[in-house]
Amino acid sequence: MSTGMIVALIVIVAAVVVVAAVLTLRSRGPRGGRDLKRRFGPEYDRVVARHDGDAKAAERELTERVERHGSLRARPLETARRQQFEARWAAAQERFVDSPREAVAEADRLIAELAAERGFPDGGQYEEQLAALSVHHAHHVHGYRQVHRAAHLPGNAGDAGERAGTEEMRAAMVEARALFEELMTDSGRDGGLRRDEAGSAGRAPARKATPWAFGRRHPKEG
């Protein structure tokens, strides 16, 4: 084979590689964004907003979350532990009537403990735990973010401020409840937390969500 033919073959192969790379990048770009938006739902929009509308930067962050935590598999939750978590959450809901700030703090602790028990990063690493939860429970993870923020906000002064703070904490508790319910089950929305690993031994029968009891009593007024 002559030198000219060898050079021509090299040029042709290089051109094919370049064209293939360009086509791959073009096909991956939009589809990757759509996949991330579908997977993360409202969390996608929050991250885009946090990056001042820069969708590419947001998608890089979300892709890194998937790479770090996408392979996470749920640990089974024993029946006794499940019952303990349920009892503590019900008690927190009841406590909200008279002590909303204590109830929100307990809800924050409960979600952190429950997530760690299911195999997510420890609650002491809040940001990392939140990121992992967003990969598998994207549509409800904001409830944890809200209840954590509410639990760590300083107390509000004045009657009007107190009422506003109570409503904020109430909304946080309601949204956090959805994540709590998902963590009590044996599978995540995207299948990352596999149902088969939990097994039937630690699975409690299906149950209805505990309704809020705010209508029965009213907070004591000083």
C-alpha atoms as a PDB file:
ATOM      1  CA  MET A   1       0.000   0.000   0.000  1.00  0.00           C
ATOM      2  CA  SER A   2       1.427   3.371  -1.034  1.00  0.00           C
ATOM      3  CA  THR A   3       2.044   6.232   1.361  1.00  0.00           C
ATOM      4  CA  GLY A   4      -0.672   8.280  -0.327  1.00  0.00           C
ATOM      5  CA  MET A   5      -3.279   5.598   0.255  1.00  0.00           C
ATOM      6  CA  ILE A   6      -2.289   5.250   3.906  1.00  0.00           C
ATOM      7  CA  VAL A   7      -2.601   9.016   4.402  1.00  0.00           C
ATOM      8  CA  ALA A   8      -5.982   9.009   2.655  1.00  0.00           C
ATOM      9  CA  LEU A   9      -7.248   6.193   4.880  1.00  0.00           C
ATOM     10  CA  ILE A  10      -6.079   8.018   8.003  1.00  0.00           C
ATOM     11  CA  VAL A  11      -7.863  11.183   6.901  1.00  0.00           C
ATOM     12  CA  ILE A  12     -11.070   9.259   6.158  1.00  0.00           C
ATOM     13  CA  VAL A  13     -11.014   7.466   9.517  1.00  0.00           C
ATOM     14  CA  ALA A  14     -10.348  10.735  11.363  1.00  0.00           C
ATOM     15  CA  ALA A  15     -13.231  12.414   9.542  1.00  0.00           C
ATOM     16  CA  VAL A  16     -15.574   9.570  10.434  1.00  0.00           C
ATOM     17  CA  VAL A  17     -14.552   9.769  14.098  1.00  0.00           C
ATOM     18  CA  VAL A  18     -15.116  13.539  14.194  1.00  0.00           C
ATOM     19  CA  VAL A  19     -18.539  13.262  12.547  1.00  0.00           C
ATOM     20  CA  ALA A  20     -19.570  10.487  14.920  1.00  0.00           C
ATOM     21  CA  ALA A  21     -18.450  12.533  17.931  1.00  0.00           C
ATOM     22  CA  VAL A  22     -20.392  15.580  16.753  1.00  0.00           C
ATOM     23  CA  LEU A  23     -23.539  13.536  16.144  1.00  0.00           C
ATOM     24  CA  THR A  24     -23.216  11.903  19.569  1.00  0.00           C
ATOM     25  CA  LEU A  25     -22.852  15.238  21.344  1.00  0.00           C
ATOM     26  CA  ARG A  26     -25.809  16.700  19.480  1.00  0.00           C
ATOM     27  CA  SER A  27     -27.997  13.725  20.300  1.00  0.00           C
ATOM     28  CA  ARG A  28     -26.966  13.600  23.955  1.00  0.00           C
ATOM     29  CA  GLY A  29     -27.380  17.298  24.708  1.00  0.00           C
ATOM     30  CA  PRO A  30     -31.127  17.829  24.393  1.00  0.00           C
ATOM     31  CA  ARG A  31     -32.034  14.282  25.413  1.00  0.00           C
ATOM     32  CA  GLY A  32     -29.874  14.497  28.524  1.00  0.00           C
ATOM     33  CA  GLY A  33     -31.637  17.688  29.543  1.00  0.00           C
ATOM     34  CA  ARG A  34     -35.045  16.156  28.954  1.00  0.00           C
ATOM     35  CA  ASP A  35     -34.114  13.040  30.905  1.00  0.00           C
ATOM     36  CA  LEU A  36     -32.880  15.093  33.841  1.00  0.00           C
ATOM     37  CA  LYS A  37     -35.967  17.293  33.810  1.00  0.00           C
ATOM     38  CA  ARG A  38     -38.219  14.246  33.768  1.00  0.00           C
ATOM     39  CA  ARG A  39     -36.260  12.506  36.512  1.00  0.00           C
ATOM     40  CA  PHE A  40     -35.893  15.480  38.867  1.00  0.00           C
ATOM     41  CA  GLY A  41     -39.160  17.287  38.134  1.00  0.00           C
ATOM     42  CA  PRO A  42     -39.519  20.379  40.362  1.00  0.00           C
ATOM     43  CA  GLU A  43     -36.008  19.831  41.721  1.00  0.00           C
ATOM     44  CA  TYR A  44     -34.677  20.477  38.199  1.00  0.00           C
ATOM     45  CA  ASP A  45     -36.396  23.879  38.132  1.00  0.00           C
ATOM     46  CA  ARG A  46     -35.067  24.768  41.600  1.00  0.00           C
ATOM     47  CA  VAL A  47     -31.490  23.978  40.595  1.00  0.00           C
ATOM     48  CA  VAL A  48     -31.828  25.966  37.352  1.00  0.00           C
ATOM     49  CA  ALA A  49     -33.162  28.937  39.354  1.00  0.00           C
ATOM     50  CA  ARG A  50     -30.274  28.609  41.845  1.00  0.00           C
ATOM     51  CA  HIS A  51     -27.883  28.805  38.859  1.00  0.00           C
ATOM     52  CA  ASP A  52     -29.631  32.015  37.680  1.00  0.00           C
ATOM     53  CA  GLY A  53     -31.305  30.264  34.768  1.00  0.00           C
ATOM     54  CA  ASP A  54     -28.157  28.510  33.506  1.00  0.00           C
ATOM     55  CA  ALA A  55     -29.628  25.155  32.473  1.00  0.00           C
ATOM     56  CA  LYS A  56     -26.249  23.692  31.484  1.00  0.00           C
ATOM     57  CA  ALA A  57     -24.737  24.407  34.902  1.00  0.00           C
ATOM     58  CA  ALA A  58     -27.814  22.967  36.596  1.00  0.00           C
ATOM     59  CA  GLU A  59     -27.650  19.833  34.451  1.00  0.00           C
ATOM     60  CA  ARG A  60     -23.984  19.362  35.284  1.00  0.00           C
ATOM     61  CA  GLU A  61     -24.829  19.498  38.990  1.00  0.00           C
ATOM     62  CA  LEU A  62     -27.735  17.075  38.649  1.00  0.00           C
ATOM     63  CA  THR A  63     -25.670  14.706  36.519  1.00  0.00           C
ATOM     64  CA  GLU A  64     -22.991  14.686  39.233  1.00  0.00           C
ATOM     65  CA  ARG A  65     -25.664  13.827  41.808  1.00  0.00           C
ATOM     66  CA  VAL A  66     -26.801  10.862  39.725  1.00  0.00           C
ATOM     67  CA  GLU A  67     -23.220   9.687  39.272  1.00  0.00           C
ATOM     68  CA  ARG A  68     -22.562   9.882  43.036  1.00  0.00           C
ATOM     69  CA  HIS A  69     -25.828   8.458  44.325  1.00  0.00           C
ATOM     70  CA  GLY A  70     -27.666   6.764  41.449  1.00  0.00           C
ATOM     71  CA  SER A  71     -26.433   3.284  42.386  1.00  0.00           C
ATOM     72  CA  LEU A  72     -27.625   3.557  45.983  1.00  0.00           C
ATOM     73  CA  ARG A  73     -29.723   0.576  47.095  1.00  0.00           C
ATOM     74  CA  ALA A  74     -32.175   0.663  49.970  1.00  0.00           C
ATOM     75  CA  ARG A  75     -31.579  -1.263  53.145  1.00  0.00           C
ATOM     76  CA  PRO A  76     -34.665  -3.036  54.513  1.00  0.00           C
ATOM     77  CA  LEU A  77     -36.549  -1.446  57.370  1.00  0.00           C
ATOM     78  CA  GLU A  78     -37.456  -3.853  60.131  1.00  0.00           C
ATOM     79  CA  THR A  79     -41.076  -3.916  61.259  1.00  0.00           C
ATOM     80  CA  ALA A  80     -40.219  -2.777  64.786  1.00  0.00           C
ATOM     81  CA  ARG A  81     -38.229   0.203  63.484  1.00  0.00           C
ATOM     82  CA  ARG A  82     -40.993   1.061  61.048  1.00  0.00           C
ATOM     83  CA  GLN A  83     -43.479   1.167  63.900  1.00  0.00           C
ATOM     84  CA  GLN A  84     -41.151   3.333  65.974  1.00  0.00           C
ATOM     85  CA  PHE A  85     -40.776   5.849  63.161  1.00  0.00           C
ATOM     86  CA  GLU A  86     -44.540   5.907  62.590  1.00  0.00           C
ATOM     87  CA  ALA A  87     -45.216   6.485  66.283  1.00  0.00           C
ATOM     88  CA  ARG A  88     -42.658   9.286  66.498  1.00  0.00           C
ATOM     89  CA  TRP A  89     -44.056  11.039  63.432  1.00  0.00           C
ATOM     90  CA  ALA A  90     -47.613  10.799  64.767  1.00  0.00           C
ATOM     91  CA  ALA A  91     -46.412  12.242  68.086  1.00  0.00           C
ATOM     92  CA  ALA A  92     -44.681  15.103  66.255  1.00  0.00           C
ATOM     93  CA  GLN A  93     -47.888  15.923  64.413  1.00  0.00           C
ATOM     94  CA  GLU A  94     -49.831  16.016  67.661  1.00  0.00           C
ATOM     95  CA  ARG A  95     -47.127  18.125  69.311  1.00  0.00           C
ATOM     96  CA  PHE A  96     -47.373  20.705  66.523  1.00  0.00           C
ATOM     97  CA  VAL A  97     -50.644  22.001  67.956  1.00  0.00           C
ATOM     98  CA  ASP A  98     -48.957  23.364  71.099  1.00  0.00           C
ATOM     99  CA  SER A  99     -45.255  23.410  70.139  1.00  0.00           C
ATOM    100  CA  PRO A 100     -44.839  23.818  66.379  1.00  0.00           C
ATOM    101  CA  ARG A 101     -41.122  24.572  66.525  1.00  0.00           C
ATOM    102  CA  GLU A 102     -40.384  21.438  68.555  1.00  0.00           C
ATOM    103  CA  ALA A 103     -42.533  19.381  66.194  1.00  0.00           C
ATOM    104  CA  VAL A 104     -40.687  20.676  63.125  1.00  0.00           C
ATOM    105  CA  ALA A 105     -37.314  19.980  64.757  1.00  0.00           C
ATOM    106  CA  GLU A 106     -38.421  16.420  65.483  1.00  0.00           C
ATOM    107  CA  ALA A 107     -39.628  15.965  61.902  1.00  0.00           C
ATOM    108  CA  ASP A 108     -36.233  17.148  60.658  1.00  0.00           C
ATOM    109  CA  ARG A 109     -34.466  14.639  62.923  1.00  0.00           C
ATOM    110  CA  LEU A 110     -36.840  11.848  61.934  1.00  0.00           C
ATOM    111  CA  ILE A 111     -36.269  12.228  58.208  1.00  0.00           C
ATOM    112  CA  ALA A 112     -32.503  12.404  58.703  1.00  0.00           C
ATOM    113  CA  GLU A 113     -32.535   9.245  60.840  1.00  0.00           C
ATOM    114  CA  LEU A 114     -34.921   7.365  58.565  1.00  0.00           C
ATOM    115  CA  ALA A 115     -32.964   8.249  55.425  1.00  0.00           C
ATOM    116  CA  ALA A 116     -29.711   7.095  57.050  1.00  0.00           C
ATOM    117  CA  GLU A 117     -31.349   3.855  58.122  1.00  0.00           C
ATOM    118  CA  ARG A 118     -32.525   3.230  54.570  1.00  0.00           C
ATOM    119  CA  GLY A 119     -28.945   3.597  53.311  1.00  0.00           C
ATOM    120  CA  PHE A 120     -28.628   7.264  52.382  1.00  0.00           C
ATOM    121  CA  PRO A 121     -25.670   9.332  53.668  1.00  0.00           C
ATOM    122  CA  ASP A 122     -25.803  10.084  57.377  1.00  0.00           C
ATOM    123  CA  GLY A 123     -27.912  13.042  58.490  1.00  0.00           C
ATOM    124  CA  GLY A 124     -24.791  14.731  59.840  1.00  0.00           C
ATOM    125  CA  GLN A 125     -23.944  15.375  56.176  1.00  0.00           C
ATOM    126  CA  TYR A 126     -27.170  17.227  55.447  1.00  0.00           C
ATOM    127  CA  GLU A 127     -26.253  18.586  52.002  1.00  0.00           C
ATOM    128  CA  GLU A 128     -24.966  15.219  50.806  1.00  0.00           C
ATOM    129  CA  GLN A 129     -27.987  13.422  52.228  1.00  0.00           C
ATOM    130  CA  LEU A 130     -30.295  15.925  50.535  1.00  0.00           C
ATOM    131  CA  ALA A 131     -28.490  15.452  47.216  1.00  0.00           C
ATOM    132  CA  ALA A 132     -28.818  11.666  47.465  1.00  0.00           C
ATOM    133  CA  LEU A 133     -32.490  11.911  48.367  1.00  0.00           C
ATOM    134  CA  SER A 134     -33.082  14.192  45.386  1.00  0.00           C
ATOM    135  CA  VAL A 135     -31.851  11.460  43.038  1.00  0.00           C
ATOM    136  CA  HIS A 136     -34.345   8.887  44.309  1.00  0.00           C
ATOM    137  CA  HIS A 137     -37.182  11.025  45.713  1.00  0.00           C
ATOM    138  CA  ALA A 138     -36.925  14.159  43.608  1.00  0.00           C
ATOM    139  CA  HIS A 139     -40.610  15.026  43.702  1.00  0.00           C
ATOM    140  CA  HIS A 140     -40.747  15.149  47.510  1.00  0.00           C
ATOM    141  CA  VAL A 141     -37.231  16.060  48.634  1.00  0.00           C
ATOM    142  CA  HIS A 142     -38.144  19.748  48.882  1.00  0.00           C
ATOM    143  CA  GLY A 143     -40.264  18.871  51.906  1.00  0.00           C
ATOM    144  CA  TYR A 144     -37.095  17.877  53.753  1.00  0.00           C
ATOM    145  CA  ARG A 145     -35.406  21.088  52.654  1.00  0.00           C
ATOM    146  CA  GLN A 146     -38.340  23.127  53.974  1.00  0.00           C
ATOM    147  CA  VAL A 147     -38.614  21.364  57.305  1.00  0.00           C
ATOM    148  CA  HIS A 148     -34.851  21.554  57.839  1.00  0.00           C
ATOM    149  CA  ARG A 149     -34.846  25.274  57.128  1.00  0.00           C
ATOM    150  CA  ALA A 150     -37.873  25.862  59.351  1.00  0.00           C
ATOM    151  CA  ALA A 151     -36.263  23.873  62.162  1.00  0.00           C
ATOM    152  CA  HIS A 152     -33.159  26.060  62.065  1.00  0.00           C
ATOM    153  CA  LEU A 153     -34.775  29.472  61.637  1.00  0.00           C
ATOM    154  CA  PRO A 154     -34.625  31.805  64.670  1.00  0.00           C
ATOM    155  CA  GLY A 155     -37.895  32.461  66.438  1.00  0.00           C
ATOM    156  CA  ASN A 156     -40.121  35.227  65.106  1.00  0.00           C
ATOM    157  CA  ALA A 157     -41.107  38.136  67.293  1.00  0.00           C
ATOM    158  CA  GLY A 158     -44.590  39.577  67.577  1.00  0.00           C
ATOM    159  CA  ASP A 159     -48.000  38.011  67.136  1.00  0.00           C
ATOM    160  CA  ALA A 160     -48.197  38.562  63.365  1.00  0.00           C
ATOM    161  CA  GLY A 161     -44.703  37.216  62.842  1.00  0.00           C
ATOM    162  CA  GLU A 162     -45.467  34.235  65.051  1.00  0.00           C
ATOM    163  CA  ARG A 163     -48.571  33.388  63.049  1.00  0.00           C
ATOM    164  CA  ALA A 164     -46.623  33.666  59.790  1.00  0.00           C
ATOM    165  CA  GLY A 165     -43.898  31.437  61.188  1.00  0.00           C
ATOM    166  CA  THR A 166     -46.432  28.860  62.306  1.00  0.00           C
ATOM    167  CA  GLU A 167     -47.988  28.700  58.849  1.00  0.00           C
ATOM    168  CA  GLU A 168     -44.550  28.278  57.290  1.00  0.00           C
ATOM    169  CA  MET A 169     -43.783  25.426  59.679  1.00  0.00           C
ATOM    170  CA  ARG A 170     -47.172  23.831  59.042  1.00  0.00           C
ATOM    171  CA  ALA A 171     -46.550  23.857  55.274  1.00  0.00           C
ATOM    172  CA  ALA A 172     -43.082  22.378  55.840  1.00  0.00           C
ATOM    173  CA  MET A 173     -44.518  19.548  57.950  1.00  0.00           C
ATOM    174  CA  VAL A 174     -47.152  18.749  55.325  1.00  0.00           C
ATOM    175  CA  GLU A 175     -44.602  18.565  52.501  1.00  0.00           C
ATOM    176  CA  ALA A 176     -42.101  16.622  54.595  1.00  0.00           C
ATOM    177  CA  ARG A 177     -44.784  14.038  55.337  1.00  0.00           C
ATOM    178  CA  ALA A 178     -44.790  12.980  51.662  1.00  0.00           C
ATOM    179  CA  LEU A 179     -41.055  12.221  51.760  1.00  0.00           C
ATOM    180  CA  PHE A 180     -41.441  10.437  55.090  1.00  0.00           C
ATOM    181  CA  GLU A 181     -44.127   8.203  53.537  1.00  0.00           C
ATOM    182  CA  GLU A 182     -41.911   7.353  50.573  1.00  0.00           C
ATOM    183  CA  LEU A 183     -38.950   6.517  52.788  1.00  0.00           C
ATOM    184  CA  MET A 184     -41.188   4.178  54.766  1.00  0.00           C
ATOM    185  CA  THR A 185     -41.943   2.187  51.601  1.00  0.00           C
ATOM    186  CA  ASP A 186     -39.570  -0.189  49.838  1.00  0.00           C
ATOM    187  CA  SER A 187     -38.970   1.507  46.503  1.00  0.00           C
ATOM    188  CA  GLY A 188     -38.049   4.913  45.128  1.00  0.00           C
ATOM    189  CA  ARG A 189     -39.754   6.723  42.268  1.00  0.00           C
ATOM    190  CA  ASP A 190     -37.009   5.992  39.726  1.00  0.00           C
ATOM    191  CA  GLY A 191     -36.406   2.377  40.757  1.00  0.00           C
ATOM    192  CA  GLY A 192     -33.017   3.192  42.273  1.00  0.00           C
ATOM    193  CA  LEU A 193     -34.172   1.820  45.615  1.00  0.00           C
ATOM    194  CA  ARG A 194     -35.154  -1.700  44.709  1.00  0.00           C
ATOM    195  CA  ARG A 195     -38.235  -3.293  46.190  1.00  0.00           C
ATOM    196  CA  ASP A 196     -36.764  -6.821  46.065  1.00  0.00           C
ATOM    197  CA  GLU A 197     -33.952  -5.979  48.483  1.00  0.00           C
ATOM    198  CA  ALA A 198     -36.384  -5.000  51.211  1.00  0.00           C
ATOM    199  CA  GLY A 199     -38.031  -8.410  51.181  1.00  0.00           C
ATOM    200  CA  SER A 200     -41.365  -9.304  52.659  1.00  0.00           C
ATOM    201  CA  ALA A 201     -40.209  -9.932  56.237  1.00  0.00           C
ATOM    202  CA  GLY A 202     -39.757  -6.252  57.091  1.00  0.00           C
ATOM    203  CA  ARG A 203     -42.712  -4.976  55.120  1.00  0.00           C
ATOM    204  CA  ALA A 204     -45.688  -3.639  56.978  1.00  0.00           C
ATOM    205  CA  PRO A 205     -49.195  -3.916  55.561  1.00  0.00           C
ATOM    206  CA  ALA A 206     -50.456  -1.043  53.447  1.00  0.00           C
ATOM    207  CA  ARG A 207     -51.782   1.781  55.554  1.00  0.00           C
ATOM    208  CA  LYS A 208     -53.537   5.092  55.124  1.00  0.00           C
ATOM    209  CA  ALA A 209     -51.727   8.346  55.796  1.00  0.00           C
ATOM    210  CA  THR A 210     -52.391   9.781  59.231  1.00  0.00           C
ATOM    211  CA  PRO A 211     -54.545  12.893  58.808  1.00  0.00           C
ATOM    212  CA  TRP A 212     -53.587  16.165  60.419  1.00  0.00           C
ATOM    213  CA  ALA A 213     -55.398  16.838  63.673  1.00  0.00           C
ATOM    214  CA  PHE A 214     -55.222  20.640  63.528  1.00  0.00           C
ATOM    215  CA  GLY A 215     -58.982  20.976  63.423  1.00  0.00           C
ATOM    216  CA  ARG A 216     -59.508  19.332  66.806  1.00  0.00           C
ATOM    217  CA  ARG A 217     -57.569  21.755  68.973  1.00  0.00           C
ATOM    218  CA  HIS A 218     -56.012  25.184  68.764  1.00  0.00           C
ATOM    219  CA  PRO A 219     -52.676  26.410  70.085  1.00  0.00           C
ATOM    220  CA  LYS A 220     -52.816  27.977  73.495  1.00  0.00           C
ATOM    221  CA  GLU A 221     -52.661  31.718  73.369  1.00  0.00           C
ATOM    222  CA  GLY A 222     -50.714  33.675  75.891  1.00  0.00           C
END
